[in-house]
Amino acid sequence: MDRRESRKLLLRIALVTLALVVAIWGRLALWAWQTYHAARYPGAEVIDAGDFVRLVPNLVFRRVETYRSTDPFNLIYNWYSQRFALGPERYATGSCLLMARSAHVFGPLHLNASVMVCDAGPIRMMFVQRTYLLRYPAWLQRWM
């Protein structure tokens, strides 16, 4: 193989590697965007949304969102219950129903999710809180 063919082969390898890196990062960015917006009920109006990040003693990312919809209560309840695998309600009072769960996502990453759906006459209010907790290894926590 002469020098010219070697350069062409190296260029092809570099381009394929670059394309793979871009595809992987693009897929990761799409997954992050979908996860970030996963709690918005279809057609619901956003009332408020906010984020909180804490780095120590463990990494915590909390997203709190409030929505309003005119859809029937049971449709909203079923959508959130299935979307986050929340199962039956944990607590009900008056016209509000609370669903919650804690789950191990993968590795040291944990998710705590809660959704409260309230029937307020002609509208339904949804209060969603998701907290992702990344537990640092014990050896790293000693240095923080």
C-alpha atoms as a PDB file:
ATOM      1  CA  MET A   1       0.000   0.000   0.000  1.00  0.00           C
ATOM      2  CA  ASP A   2       1.498   3.304  -1.021  1.00  0.00           C
ATOM      3  CA  ARG A   3       1.411   6.542   0.912  1.00  0.00           C
ATOM      4  CA  ARG A   4      -1.545   7.997  -1.050  1.00  0.00           C
ATOM      5  CA  GLU A   5      -3.779   4.984  -0.314  1.00  0.00           C
ATOM      6  CA  SER A   6      -2.796   5.078   3.369  1.00  0.00           C
ATOM      7  CA  ARG A   7      -3.904   8.695   3.626  1.00  0.00           C
ATOM      8  CA  LYS A   8      -7.233   7.916   1.949  1.00  0.00           C
ATOM      9  CA  LEU A   9      -7.819   5.017   4.349  1.00  0.00           C
ATOM     10  CA  LEU A  10      -6.898   7.175   7.353  1.00  0.00           C
ATOM     11  CA  LEU A  11      -9.245   9.938   6.122  1.00  0.00           C
ATOM     12  CA  ARG A  12     -12.117   7.449   5.743  1.00  0.00           C
ATOM     13  CA  ILE A  13     -11.513   6.075   9.238  1.00  0.00           C
ATOM     14  CA  ALA A  14     -11.449   9.620  10.655  1.00  0.00           C
ATOM     15  CA  LEU A  15     -14.700  10.552   8.879  1.00  0.00           C
ATOM     16  CA  VAL A  16     -16.486   7.394  10.039  1.00  0.00           C
ATOM     17  CA  THR A  17     -15.257   7.985  13.607  1.00  0.00           C
ATOM     18  CA  LEU A  18     -16.444  11.615  13.490  1.00  0.00           C
ATOM     19  CA  ALA A  19     -19.845  10.550  12.151  1.00  0.00           C
ATOM     20  CA  LEU A  20     -20.204   7.986  14.969  1.00  0.00           C
ATOM     21  CA  VAL A  21     -19.270  10.545  17.635  1.00  0.00           C
ATOM     22  CA  VAL A  22     -21.763  13.078  16.233  1.00  0.00           C
ATOM     23  CA  ALA A  23     -24.500  10.408  16.072  1.00  0.00           C
ATOM     24  CA  ILE A  24     -23.868   9.269  19.658  1.00  0.00           C
ATOM     25  CA  TRP A  25     -23.812  12.820  21.054  1.00  0.00           C
ATOM     26  CA  GLY A  26     -26.889  13.726  19.004  1.00  0.00           C
ATOM     27  CA  ARG A  27     -28.793  10.728  20.365  1.00  0.00           C
ATOM     28  CA  LEU A  28     -27.699  11.605  23.905  1.00  0.00           C
ATOM     29  CA  ALA A  29     -28.852  15.219  23.447  1.00  0.00           C
ATOM     30  CA  LEU A  30     -32.216  14.045  22.083  1.00  0.00           C
ATOM     31  CA  TRP A  31     -32.684  11.672  25.030  1.00  0.00           C
ATOM     32  CA  ALA A  32     -31.823  14.473  27.499  1.00  0.00           C
ATOM     33  CA  TRP A  33     -34.271  16.887  25.823  1.00  0.00           C
ATOM     34  CA  GLN A  34     -37.075  14.276  25.837  1.00  0.00           C
ATOM     35  CA  THR A  35     -36.405  13.411  29.484  1.00  0.00           C
ATOM     36  CA  TYR A  36     -36.354  17.089  30.468  1.00  0.00           C
ATOM     37  CA  HIS A  37     -39.785  17.675  28.866  1.00  0.00           C
ATOM     38  CA  ALA A  38     -41.307  14.258  29.695  1.00  0.00           C
ATOM     39  CA  ALA A  39     -43.759  15.585  32.302  1.00  0.00           C
ATOM     40  CA  ARG A  40     -45.729  17.923  30.041  1.00  0.00           C
ATOM     41  CA  TYR A  41     -49.195  16.501  29.532  1.00  0.00           C
ATOM     42  CA  PRO A  42     -50.201  16.769  25.828  1.00  0.00           C
ATOM     43  CA  GLY A  43     -52.019  20.036  25.204  1.00  0.00           C
ATOM     44  CA  ALA A  44     -51.536  21.307  28.753  1.00  0.00           C
ATOM     45  CA  GLU A  45     -50.759  24.936  29.437  1.00  0.00           C
ATOM     46  CA  VAL A  46     -47.530  25.569  31.346  1.00  0.00           C
ATOM     47  CA  ILE A  47     -48.148  27.629  34.471  1.00  0.00           C
ATOM     48  CA  ASP A  48     -44.644  27.476  35.923  1.00  0.00           C
ATOM     49  CA  ALA A  49     -41.477  25.393  35.693  1.00  0.00           C
ATOM     50  CA  GLY A  50     -38.156  25.599  37.467  1.00  0.00           C
ATOM     51  CA  ASP A  51     -34.936  23.704  38.033  1.00  0.00           C
ATOM     52  CA  PHE A  52     -32.682  23.239  41.031  1.00  0.00           C
ATOM     53  CA  VAL A  53     -29.161  21.792  40.973  1.00  0.00           C
ATOM     54  CA  ARG A  54     -27.006  20.876  43.972  1.00  0.00           C
ATOM     55  CA  LEU A  55     -23.514  19.419  43.574  1.00  0.00           C
ATOM     56  CA  VAL A  56     -22.597  18.270  47.093  1.00  0.00           C
ATOM     57  CA  PRO A  57     -22.811  15.960  49.020  1.00  0.00           C
ATOM     58  CA  ASN A  58     -24.411  14.227  45.981  1.00  0.00           C
ATOM     59  CA  LEU A  59     -25.452  15.583  42.600  1.00  0.00           C
ATOM     60  CA  VAL A  60     -29.168  16.464  42.674  1.00  0.00           C
ATOM     61  CA  PHE A  61     -31.206  17.779  39.750  1.00  0.00           C
ATOM     62  CA  ARG A  62     -34.809  18.705  40.583  1.00  0.00           C
ATOM     63  CA  ARG A  63     -37.426  19.828  38.068  1.00  0.00           C
ATOM     64  CA  VAL A  64     -40.711  21.250  39.388  1.00  0.00           C
ATOM     65  CA  GLU A  65     -43.525  21.947  36.924  1.00  0.00           C
ATOM     66  CA  THR A  66     -47.131  23.127  37.108  1.00  0.00           C
ATOM     67  CA  TYR A  67     -49.640  22.618  34.291  1.00  0.00           C
ATOM     68  CA  ARG A  68     -53.304  23.298  33.578  1.00  0.00           C
ATOM     69  CA  SER A  69     -55.629  21.302  31.312  1.00  0.00           C
ATOM     70  CA  THR A  70     -59.325  21.006  30.543  1.00  0.00           C
ATOM     71  CA  ASP A  71     -59.101  17.255  29.831  1.00  0.00           C
ATOM     72  CA  PRO A  72     -61.052  14.876  32.071  1.00  0.00           C
ATOM     73  CA  PHE A  73     -59.443  13.984  35.394  1.00  0.00           C
ATOM     74  CA  ASN A  74     -59.233  10.234  34.647  1.00  0.00           C
ATOM     75  CA  LEU A  75     -57.356  10.802  31.345  1.00  0.00           C
ATOM     76  CA  ILE A  76     -54.747  12.948  33.064  1.00  0.00           C
ATOM     77  CA  TYR A  77     -54.432  10.538  35.984  1.00  0.00           C
ATOM     78  CA  ASN A  78     -53.944   7.560  33.643  1.00  0.00           C
ATOM     79  CA  TRP A  79     -51.416   9.406  31.450  1.00  0.00           C
ATOM     80  CA  TYR A  80     -49.169  10.350  34.383  1.00  0.00           C
ATOM     81  CA  SER A  81     -49.607   6.974  36.046  1.00  0.00           C
ATOM     82  CA  GLN A  82     -48.427   5.166  32.910  1.00  0.00           C
ATOM     83  CA  ARG A  83     -45.816   7.743  31.843  1.00  0.00           C
ATOM     84  CA  PHE A  84     -43.867   7.506  35.098  1.00  0.00           C
ATOM     85  CA  ALA A  85     -45.037   4.029  36.208  1.00  0.00           C
ATOM     86  CA  LEU A  86     -46.511   5.600  39.328  1.00  0.00           C
ATOM     87  CA  GLY A  87     -49.216   3.030  39.880  1.00  0.00           C
ATOM     88  CA  PRO A  88     -52.160   3.738  42.176  1.00  0.00           C
ATOM     89  CA  GLU A  89     -52.433   6.895  44.213  1.00  0.00           C
ATOM     90  CA  ARG A  90     -50.444   7.286  47.399  1.00  0.00           C
ATOM     91  CA  TYR A  91     -52.670   9.885  48.966  1.00  0.00           C
ATOM     92  CA  ALA A  92     -55.977  11.549  48.129  1.00  0.00           C
ATOM     93  CA  THR A  93     -57.586  14.522  49.779  1.00  0.00           C
ATOM     94  CA  GLY A  94     -60.542  16.563  48.616  1.00  0.00           C
ATOM     95  CA  SER A  95     -60.247  16.938  44.870  1.00  0.00           C
ATOM     96  CA  CYS A  96     -56.507  16.177  44.677  1.00  0.00           C
ATOM     97  CA  LEU A  97     -54.708  12.899  44.147  1.00  0.00           C
ATOM     98  CA  LEU A  98     -50.979  12.277  44.725  1.00  0.00           C
ATOM     99  CA  MET A  99     -48.938   9.588  42.951  1.00  0.00           C
ATOM    100  CA  ALA A 100     -45.263   9.001  43.705  1.00  0.00           C
ATOM    101  CA  ARG A 101     -42.430   6.525  43.300  1.00  0.00           C
ATOM    102  CA  SER A 102     -38.717   6.122  43.861  1.00  0.00           C
ATOM    103  CA  ALA A 103     -36.728   4.111  41.356  1.00  0.00           C
ATOM    104  CA  HIS A 104     -33.197   3.094  40.531  1.00  0.00           C
ATOM    105  CA  VAL A 105     -32.517   4.329  36.972  1.00  0.00           C
ATOM    106  CA  PHE A 106     -29.078   2.793  36.390  1.00  0.00           C
ATOM    107  CA  GLY A 107     -25.766   2.657  38.210  1.00  0.00           C
ATOM    108  CA  PRO A 108     -25.692   5.280  40.968  1.00  0.00           C
ATOM    109  CA  LEU A 109     -28.575   7.296  39.426  1.00  0.00           C
ATOM    110  CA  HIS A 110     -31.941   7.354  41.252  1.00  0.00           C
ATOM    111  CA  LEU A 111     -35.258   9.019  40.397  1.00  0.00           C
ATOM    112  CA  ASN A 112     -37.945  10.263  42.778  1.00  0.00           C
ATOM    113  CA  ALA A 113     -41.097  11.360  40.958  1.00  0.00           C
ATOM    114  CA  SER A 114     -44.361  12.715  42.280  1.00  0.00           C
ATOM    115  CA  VAL A 115     -47.442  14.005  40.492  1.00  0.00           C
ATOM    116  CA  MET A 116     -50.438  15.657  42.126  1.00  0.00           C
ATOM    117  CA  VAL A 117     -53.532  16.063  39.969  1.00  0.00           C
ATOM    118  CA  CYS A 118     -56.263  18.357  41.273  1.00  0.00           C
ATOM    119  CA  ASP A 119     -59.784  18.830  39.939  1.00  0.00           C
ATOM    120  CA  ALA A 120     -60.522  22.548  40.120  1.00  0.00           C
ATOM    121  CA  GLY A 121     -63.949  22.824  38.533  1.00  0.00           C
ATOM    122  CA  PRO A 122     -63.647  23.283  34.775  1.00  0.00           C
ATOM    123  CA  ILE A 123     -59.856  22.763  34.798  1.00  0.00           C
ATOM    124  CA  ARG A 124     -57.367  20.254  36.159  1.00  0.00           C
ATOM    125  CA  MET A 125     -54.067  21.314  37.721  1.00  0.00           C
ATOM    126  CA  MET A 126     -51.001  19.077  37.596  1.00  0.00           C
ATOM    127  CA  PHE A 127     -48.052  19.570  39.935  1.00  0.00           C
ATOM    128  CA  VAL A 128     -45.040  17.475  38.915  1.00  0.00           C
ATOM    129  CA  GLN A 129     -41.739  17.096  40.740  1.00  0.00           C
ATOM    130  CA  ARG A 130     -38.882  14.906  39.498  1.00  0.00           C
ATOM    131  CA  THR A 131     -35.619  14.585  41.371  1.00  0.00           C
ATOM    132  CA  TYR A 132     -32.608  12.821  39.918  1.00  0.00           C
ATOM    133  CA  LEU A 133     -29.975  11.876  42.493  1.00  0.00           C
ATOM    134  CA  LEU A 134     -26.489  10.744  41.499  1.00  0.00           C
ATOM    135  CA  ARG A 135     -24.812   9.198  44.512  1.00  0.00           C
ATOM    136  CA  TYR A 136     -21.081   9.772  44.493  1.00  0.00           C
ATOM    137  CA  PRO A 137     -18.877   6.843  45.519  1.00  0.00           C
ATOM    138  CA  ALA A 138     -17.832   6.875  49.208  1.00  0.00           C
ATOM    139  CA  TRP A 139     -14.162   7.463  48.347  1.00  0.00           C
ATOM    140  CA  LEU A 140     -15.096  10.598  46.370  1.00  0.00           C
ATOM    141  CA  GLN A 141     -17.410  11.935  49.089  1.00  0.00           C
ATOM    142  CA  ARG A 142     -14.508  11.890  51.568  1.00  0.00           C
ATOM    143  CA  TRP A 143     -12.657  14.415  49.391  1.00  0.00           C
ATOM    144  CA  MET A 144     -15.583  16.793  48.942  1.00  0.00           C
END
